[in-house]
């Protein structure tokens, strides 16, 4: 295995709590995944090295023993997958140059699969969902934390919202000092409780909001997203608004500094280059819907008076979200 020694050295440097056997098995597992590019246990077991001098000259069940060792390690409850992944976040961010701003894209991936083999589990369909927190970088997503769950059998006493908050809290707590994260999320995370959770921990965020959401101005005037009467390509800023309704009344959740509203969900023309280079958060490429609704971003970027903008352009880099230093966001038209 060409990667085994390098992987084992990285595990020893970042994961000292693991025992010697656990560190060796983890290094073998990672090396096998890199070699086989598969998650099948039998395929990974075939990539595990054989002993130079086996105790039995011609073992009959060599593959079965390696598969059993791999299965026991993956089923070991004393190896916490979240703790293992978060222990590597600090070294990963340092390799990125320890940026001042770090975009964290969070999203769910759901898929169904049919379990192979026979017995009670053979042929049974399982619905999985994977929560990923990644750093958008150069058109790709660099995963920092991934956790998988059975949609029909979530951990006892935990909801999907609690699983999201737990994973995000673990990721934020593992970031190096001086790195300021900016959370990027789609409409599925635009719930008031999640925004309150972020604001309570002073986490900057850019979250898309559904069309038709009620927004309340500081003077008490209410309007729904989609009623801004903005022209195509025009951006509007609503400072200090309250988000949504609760039992027919405006919530006490105030978006700080406010919400950025786009007049159209279609790609906007690329803006002219600026004289000063902004501090760009690594690009995030969300799916865009060219239909009735406008793109709305709820942003909390405080302390430095940051503005959230939605930049789009051609060349396959549409939908980038960026944050730049400056004064209070103002109304812009392009």
Protein backbone atom coordinates (compact mmCIF):
# COMPACT_ATOMS: atom_id res chain seq x y z
CA UNK A 1 0.00 0.00 0.00
CA UNK A 2 1.82 3.15 -1.16
CA UNK A 3 -0.14 5.51 1.14
CA UNK A 4 0.00 3.48 4.34
CA UNK A 5 3.08 5.06 5.93
CA UNK A 6 2.00 8.63 5.17
CA UNK A 7 -1.54 8.01 6.41
CA UNK A 8 -0.28 6.31 9.56
CA UNK A 9 2.07 9.23 10.30
CA UNK A 10 -0.79 11.73 9.92
CA UNK A 11 -3.02 9.66 12.22
CA UNK A 12 -0.31 9.42 14.87
CA UNK A 13 0.21 13.21 14.74
CA UNK A 14 -3.48 14.23 14.85
CA UNK A 15 -5.15 11.35 16.72
CA UNK A 16 -3.04 10.47 19.76
CA UNK A 17 -6.04 9.12 21.78
CA UNK A 18 -6.34 6.10 19.48
CA UNK A 19 -4.71 2.89 20.55
CA UNK A 20 -1.95 1.33 18.45
CA UNK A 21 -4.29 -1.29 16.98
CA UNK A 22 -7.01 1.28 16.21
CA UNK A 23 -4.53 3.62 14.51
CA UNK A 24 -3.14 0.76 12.41
CA UNK A 25 -6.59 -0.41 11.33
CA UNK A 26 -7.67 3.15 10.49
CA UNK A 27 -4.54 3.68 8.40
CA UNK A 28 -5.16 0.39 6.58
CA UNK A 29 -8.80 1.34 5.96
CA UNK A 30 -7.94 4.77 4.53
CA UNK A 31 -5.18 3.31 2.37
CA UNK A 32 -7.51 0.61 1.06
CA UNK A 33 -10.15 3.22 0.15
CA UNK A 34 -7.54 5.24 -1.74
CA UNK A 35 -6.35 2.12 -3.56
CA UNK A 36 -9.71 0.56 -4.45
CA UNK A 37 -11.95 3.67 -4.65
CA UNK A 38 -14.76 1.60 -3.19
CA UNK A 39 -16.70 1.27 0.06
CA UNK A 40 -17.41 -2.44 -0.28
CA UNK A 41 -15.94 -4.23 2.72
CA UNK A 42 -14.99 -7.29 0.70
CA UNK A 43 -13.24 -5.14 -1.92
CA UNK A 44 -11.40 -3.19 0.79
CA UNK A 45 -10.39 -6.40 2.55
CA UNK A 46 -8.71 -7.63 -0.64
CA UNK A 47 -6.49 -4.52 -0.57
CA UNK A 48 -5.27 -5.15 2.98
CA UNK A 49 -1.69 -6.44 3.02
CA UNK A 50 -0.94 -10.03 3.89
CA UNK A 51 1.67 -10.95 6.51
CA UNK A 52 5.11 -11.61 5.09
CA UNK A 53 5.41 -14.86 7.06
CA UNK A 54 1.93 -16.29 7.71
CA UNK A 55 1.58 -18.69 10.61
CA UNK A 56 -0.16 -21.14 8.26
CA UNK A 57 1.70 -21.79 4.97
CA UNK A 58 -1.46 -21.91 2.81
CA UNK A 59 -4.41 -20.43 4.73
CA UNK A 60 -7.79 -21.39 3.32
CA UNK A 61 -9.73 -18.48 4.72
CA UNK A 62 -7.25 -15.62 4.45
CA UNK A 63 -9.76 -13.20 2.86
CA UNK A 64 -12.41 -14.13 5.42
CA UNK A 65 -10.06 -13.28 8.29
CA UNK A 66 -9.14 -9.90 6.77
CA UNK A 67 -12.81 -9.13 6.16
CA UNK A 68 -13.64 -10.06 9.74
CA UNK A 69 -10.91 -7.78 11.06
CA UNK A 70 -12.17 -4.89 8.93
CA UNK A 71 -15.79 -5.44 9.97
CA UNK A 72 -14.85 -5.52 13.66
CA UNK A 73 -13.02 -2.21 13.35
CA UNK A 74 -15.89 -0.45 11.56
CA UNK A 75 -18.32 -1.77 14.20
CA UNK A 76 -16.12 -0.72 17.12
CA UNK A 77 -18.24 1.65 19.25
CA UNK A 78 -15.15 2.99 21.04
CA UNK A 79 -13.96 4.68 17.86
CA UNK A 80 -16.13 7.79 17.48
CA UNK A 81 -16.29 8.77 13.77
CA UNK A 82 -17.14 12.39 14.60
CA UNK A 83 -14.19 12.71 17.00
CA UNK A 84 -11.83 11.14 14.45
CA UNK A 85 -12.89 13.52 11.67
CA UNK A 86 -12.92 16.68 13.79
CA UNK A 87 -9.41 15.90 15.07
CA UNK A 88 -8.18 16.26 11.48
CA UNK A 89 -9.95 19.58 10.79
CA UNK A 90 -7.23 21.76 12.33
CA UNK A 91 -4.46 20.25 10.21
CA UNK A 92 -6.65 20.43 7.09
CA UNK A 93 -7.39 24.14 7.53
CA UNK A 94 -3.72 24.87 8.19
CA UNK A 95 -2.87 23.18 4.89
CA UNK A 96 -5.29 25.61 3.22
CA UNK A 97 -3.19 28.51 4.47
CA UNK A 98 -5.22 29.28 7.62
CA UNK A 99 -7.57 31.72 5.83
CA UNK A 100 -9.23 34.49 7.80
CA UNK A 101 -12.60 33.62 6.22
CA UNK A 102 -13.62 30.00 5.77
CA UNK A 103 -16.82 29.03 3.99
CA UNK A 104 -18.57 25.95 5.37
CA UNK A 105 -21.19 24.45 3.05
CA UNK A 106 -23.67 22.17 4.81
CA UNK A 107 -26.13 19.90 3.03
CA UNK A 108 -27.83 16.52 3.16
CA UNK A 109 -27.46 13.76 0.56
CA UNK A 110 -30.12 11.04 0.54
CA UNK A 111 -30.05 7.75 -1.32
CA UNK A 112 -31.50 4.24 -1.15
CA UNK A 113 -29.59 0.99 -1.47
CA UNK A 114 -30.31 -2.72 -1.34
CA UNK A 115 -28.17 -4.71 1.07
CA UNK A 116 -26.31 -7.58 -0.58
CA UNK A 117 -25.93 -11.12 0.70
CA UNK A 118 -28.39 -13.51 2.24
CA UNK A 119 -29.93 -13.99 5.65
CA UNK A 120 -32.20 -11.50 7.37
CA UNK A 121 -30.60 -8.38 5.84
CA UNK A 122 -30.04 -9.65 2.29
CA UNK A 123 -32.20 -7.86 -0.27
CA UNK A 124 -33.53 -5.31 2.23
CA UNK A 125 -33.78 -1.72 1.05
CA UNK A 126 -32.18 0.84 3.35
CA UNK A 127 -32.69 4.59 3.07
CA UNK A 128 -29.55 6.48 4.04
CA UNK A 129 -28.93 10.18 4.51
CA UNK A 130 -25.47 11.71 4.78
CA UNK A 131 -24.78 15.10 6.34
CA UNK A 132 -21.70 16.78 4.87
CA UNK A 133 -19.91 19.90 6.05
CA UNK A 134 -17.32 20.87 3.45
CA UNK A 135 -15.12 23.75 2.33
CA UNK A 136 -15.88 24.91 -1.24
CA UNK A 137 -12.52 25.25 -2.94
CA UNK A 138 -11.64 25.59 -6.62
CA UNK A 139 -14.95 24.21 -7.83
CA UNK A 140 -14.90 21.23 -5.48
CA UNK A 141 -16.02 20.48 -1.95
CA UNK A 142 -13.34 19.49 0.55
CA UNK A 143 -15.17 17.46 3.24
CA UNK A 144 -14.44 18.26 6.87
CA UNK A 145 -17.14 16.12 8.46
CA UNK A 146 -19.52 13.50 7.11
CA UNK A 147 -21.99 11.48 9.16
CA UNK A 148 -24.42 8.89 7.79
CA UNK A 149 -27.74 7.77 9.27
CA UNK A 150 -30.54 5.39 8.46
CA UNK A 151 -33.52 7.63 7.69
CA UNK A 152 -35.93 5.10 9.22
CA UNK A 153 -33.83 4.53 12.36
CA UNK A 154 -32.30 7.78 13.56
CA UNK A 155 -30.41 7.71 16.88
CA UNK A 156 -32.77 7.45 19.84
CA UNK A 157 -33.70 10.80 21.35
CA UNK A 158 -32.29 12.81 18.42
CA UNK A 159 -34.08 14.61 15.61
CA UNK A 160 -32.59 15.60 12.27
CA UNK A 161 -32.33 19.20 13.46
CA UNK A 162 -30.39 18.12 16.54
CA UNK A 163 -28.05 16.00 14.43
CA UNK A 164 -27.30 19.02 12.23
CA UNK A 165 -26.56 21.26 15.21
CA UNK A 166 -24.39 18.63 16.90
CA UNK A 167 -22.28 18.06 13.77
CA UNK A 168 -21.93 21.79 13.11
CA UNK A 169 -20.97 22.51 16.72
CA UNK A 170 -18.27 19.83 16.56
CA UNK A 171 -16.90 21.32 13.35
CA UNK A 172 -16.89 24.90 14.66
CA UNK A 173 -15.16 23.82 17.85
CA UNK A 174 -12.34 22.18 15.89
CA UNK A 175 -11.44 25.21 13.75
CA UNK A 176 -8.09 26.88 14.48
CA UNK A 177 -8.05 30.16 16.36
CA UNK A 178 -8.36 33.23 14.15
CA UNK A 179 -10.41 31.50 11.45
CA UNK A 180 -13.87 33.02 11.02
CA UNK A 181 -16.39 30.60 9.47
CA UNK A 182 -19.24 31.62 7.19
CA UNK A 183 -21.97 29.00 6.91
CA UNK A 184 -23.52 28.47 3.46
CA UNK A 185 -26.84 26.65 3.37
CA UNK A 186 -29.80 26.16 1.08
CA UNK A 187 -33.52 26.56 1.68
CA UNK A 188 -33.74 23.35 3.68
CA UNK A 189 -31.89 25.06 6.56
CA UNK A 190 -33.91 28.30 6.51
CA UNK A 191 -35.83 27.50 9.68
CA UNK A 192 -36.06 30.09 12.42
CA UNK A 193 -34.72 27.79 15.14
CA UNK A 194 -31.56 27.10 13.15
CA UNK A 195 -30.96 30.80 12.45
CA UNK A 196 -31.45 31.55 16.14
CA UNK A 197 -28.96 28.79 16.98
CA UNK A 198 -26.38 30.37 14.66
CA UNK A 199 -26.93 33.88 15.97
CA UNK A 200 -26.71 32.68 19.55
CA UNK A 201 -23.21 31.37 18.79
CA UNK A 202 -22.26 34.46 16.75
CA UNK A 203 -21.75 32.41 13.60
CA UNK A 204 -21.88 34.29 10.29
CA UNK A 205 -24.17 32.70 7.73
CA UNK A 206 -25.64 33.02 4.24
CA UNK A 207 -28.88 31.06 3.93
CA UNK A 208 -31.42 31.04 1.12
CA UNK A 209 -35.03 31.76 2.07
CA UNK A 210 -38.19 30.49 0.41
CA UNK A 211 -40.31 32.73 -1.75
CA UNK A 212 -43.45 33.84 0.08
CA UNK A 213 -41.74 34.12 3.48
CA UNK A 214 -43.12 37.02 5.52
CA UNK A 215 -40.63 39.77 6.33
CA UNK A 216 -41.39 42.49 8.90
CA UNK A 217 -39.69 45.88 8.69
CA UNK A 218 -38.51 47.70 11.85
CA UNK A 219 -41.52 50.05 11.50
CA UNK A 220 -43.93 47.08 11.56
CA UNK A 221 -44.71 46.93 7.83
CA UNK A 222 -44.96 43.32 6.58
CA UNK A 223 -44.38 42.01 3.07
CA UNK A 224 -43.74 38.67 1.44
CA UNK A 225 -40.71 37.71 -0.56
CA UNK A 226 -41.56 37.97 -4.23
CA UNK A 227 -43.44 41.27 -3.77
CA UNK A 228 -40.38 43.54 -3.96
CA UNK A 229 -41.07 44.62 -7.57
CA UNK A 230 -37.36 44.57 -8.37
CA UNK A 231 -36.17 44.46 -11.94
CA UNK A 232 -34.21 41.53 -13.27
CA UNK A 233 -30.67 41.68 -11.94
CA UNK A 234 -31.48 44.26 -9.28
CA UNK A 235 -30.49 43.66 -5.65
CA UNK A 236 -32.20 45.13 -2.63
CA UNK A 237 -31.18 45.21 1.00
CA UNK A 238 -33.64 45.10 3.91
CA UNK A 239 -31.81 46.00 7.15
CA UNK A 240 -32.86 44.79 10.57
CA UNK A 241 -35.95 42.88 9.43
CA UNK A 242 -37.72 40.16 11.36
CA UNK A 243 -37.97 36.73 9.80
CA UNK A 244 -41.20 34.78 9.39
CA UNK A 245 -44.34 34.47 11.46
CA UNK A 246 -45.23 32.57 14.61
CA UNK A 247 -48.96 31.97 15.16
CA UNK A 248 -49.73 34.77 12.74
CA UNK A 249 -47.45 37.31 14.40
CA UNK A 250 -43.94 38.40 13.42
CA UNK A 251 -41.16 36.47 15.09
CA UNK A 252 -38.67 38.15 17.35
CA UNK A 253 -35.84 36.79 15.20
CA UNK A 254 -34.05 39.81 13.70
CA UNK A 255 -31.73 39.23 10.75
CA UNK A 256 -28.52 41.17 11.33
CA UNK A 257 -27.56 43.17 9.39
CA UNK A 258 -30.48 42.14 7.17
CA UNK A 259 -31.65 40.28 4.09
CA UNK A 260 -30.36 40.64 0.53
CA UNK A 261 -33.12 40.25 -2.08
CA UNK A 262 -32.52 39.53 -5.76
CA UNK A 263 -35.02 40.61 -8.38
CA UNK A 264 -34.65 37.45 -10.47
CA UNK A 265 -33.41 33.92 -9.95
CA UNK A 266 -31.76 33.88 -13.38
CA UNK A 267 -28.00 34.33 -13.71
CA UNK A 268 -26.96 37.96 -13.50
CA UNK A 269 -24.26 39.50 -15.72
CA UNK A 270 -20.72 39.37 -14.40
CA UNK A 271 -19.85 42.63 -12.64
CA UNK A 272 -16.95 44.80 -13.75
CA UNK A 273 -13.65 44.09 -11.96
CA UNK A 274 -13.11 46.18 -8.85
CA UNK A 275 -10.00 48.16 -8.07
CA UNK A 276 -9.57 46.58 -4.66
CA UNK A 277 -9.56 42.83 -4.33
CA UNK A 278 -12.28 41.62 -1.93
CA UNK A 279 -11.67 39.01 0.71
CA UNK A 280 -13.56 36.27 -1.11
CA UNK A 281 -15.02 33.34 0.70
CA UNK A 282 -14.29 30.14 -1.28
CA UNK A 283 -16.98 29.80 -3.94
CA UNK A 284 -20.21 27.95 -3.29
CA UNK A 285 -22.30 26.76 -6.20
CA UNK A 286 -25.92 26.24 -5.11
CA UNK A 287 -28.63 25.10 -7.48
CA UNK A 288 -30.53 28.04 -8.98
CA UNK A 289 -34.15 28.00 -10.08
CA UNK A 290 -35.03 30.24 -13.02
CA UNK A 291 -38.71 30.53 -12.17
CA UNK A 292 -41.05 32.88 -10.36
CA UNK A 293 -39.16 33.46 -7.15
CA UNK A 294 -36.30 35.77 -6.36
CA UNK A 295 -33.13 34.62 -4.65
CA UNK A 296 -33.06 35.78 -1.06
CA UNK A 297 -30.07 35.56 1.21
CA UNK A 298 -30.32 36.02 4.96
CA UNK A 299 -26.93 37.08 6.24
CA UNK A 300 -25.50 37.75 9.64
CA UNK A 301 -22.06 39.17 9.03
CA UNK A 302 -21.42 41.46 11.96
CA UNK A 303 -18.47 43.14 13.68
CA UNK A 304 -16.74 44.23 10.48
CA UNK A 305 -19.86 45.44 8.68
CA UNK A 306 -19.67 42.82 5.94
CA UNK A 307 -22.07 42.71 3.04
CA UNK A 308 -23.44 39.56 1.42
CA UNK A 309 -23.64 39.67 -2.35
CA UNK A 310 -24.84 37.20 -4.95
CA UNK A 311 -22.47 37.18 -7.89
CA UNK A 312 -23.12 35.20 -11.04
CA UNK A 313 -21.48 34.85 -14.38
CA UNK A 314 -20.66 32.53 -17.22
CA UNK A 315 -17.97 29.97 -17.64
CA UNK A 316 -19.46 27.39 -15.26
CA UNK A 317 -18.89 29.50 -12.13
CA UNK A 318 -22.42 30.74 -11.62
CA UNK A 319 -24.00 31.23 -8.27
CA UNK A 320 -20.87 32.09 -6.29
CA UNK A 321 -21.49 33.54 -2.86
CA UNK A 322 -18.92 36.00 -1.58
CA UNK A 323 -18.36 38.25 1.38
CA UNK A 324 -16.34 41.41 1.30
CA UNK A 325 -15.28 43.94 3.88
CA UNK A 326 -16.83 47.37 3.70
CA UNK A 327 -19.39 49.66 5.18
CA UNK A 328 -23.02 48.90 5.64
CA UNK A 329 -24.54 47.06 2.65
CA UNK A 330 -26.43 49.35 0.31
CA UNK A 331 -28.85 48.94 -2.52
CA UNK A 332 -27.12 47.95 -5.71
CA UNK A 333 -28.30 47.57 -9.31
CA UNK A 334 -26.57 45.93 -12.19
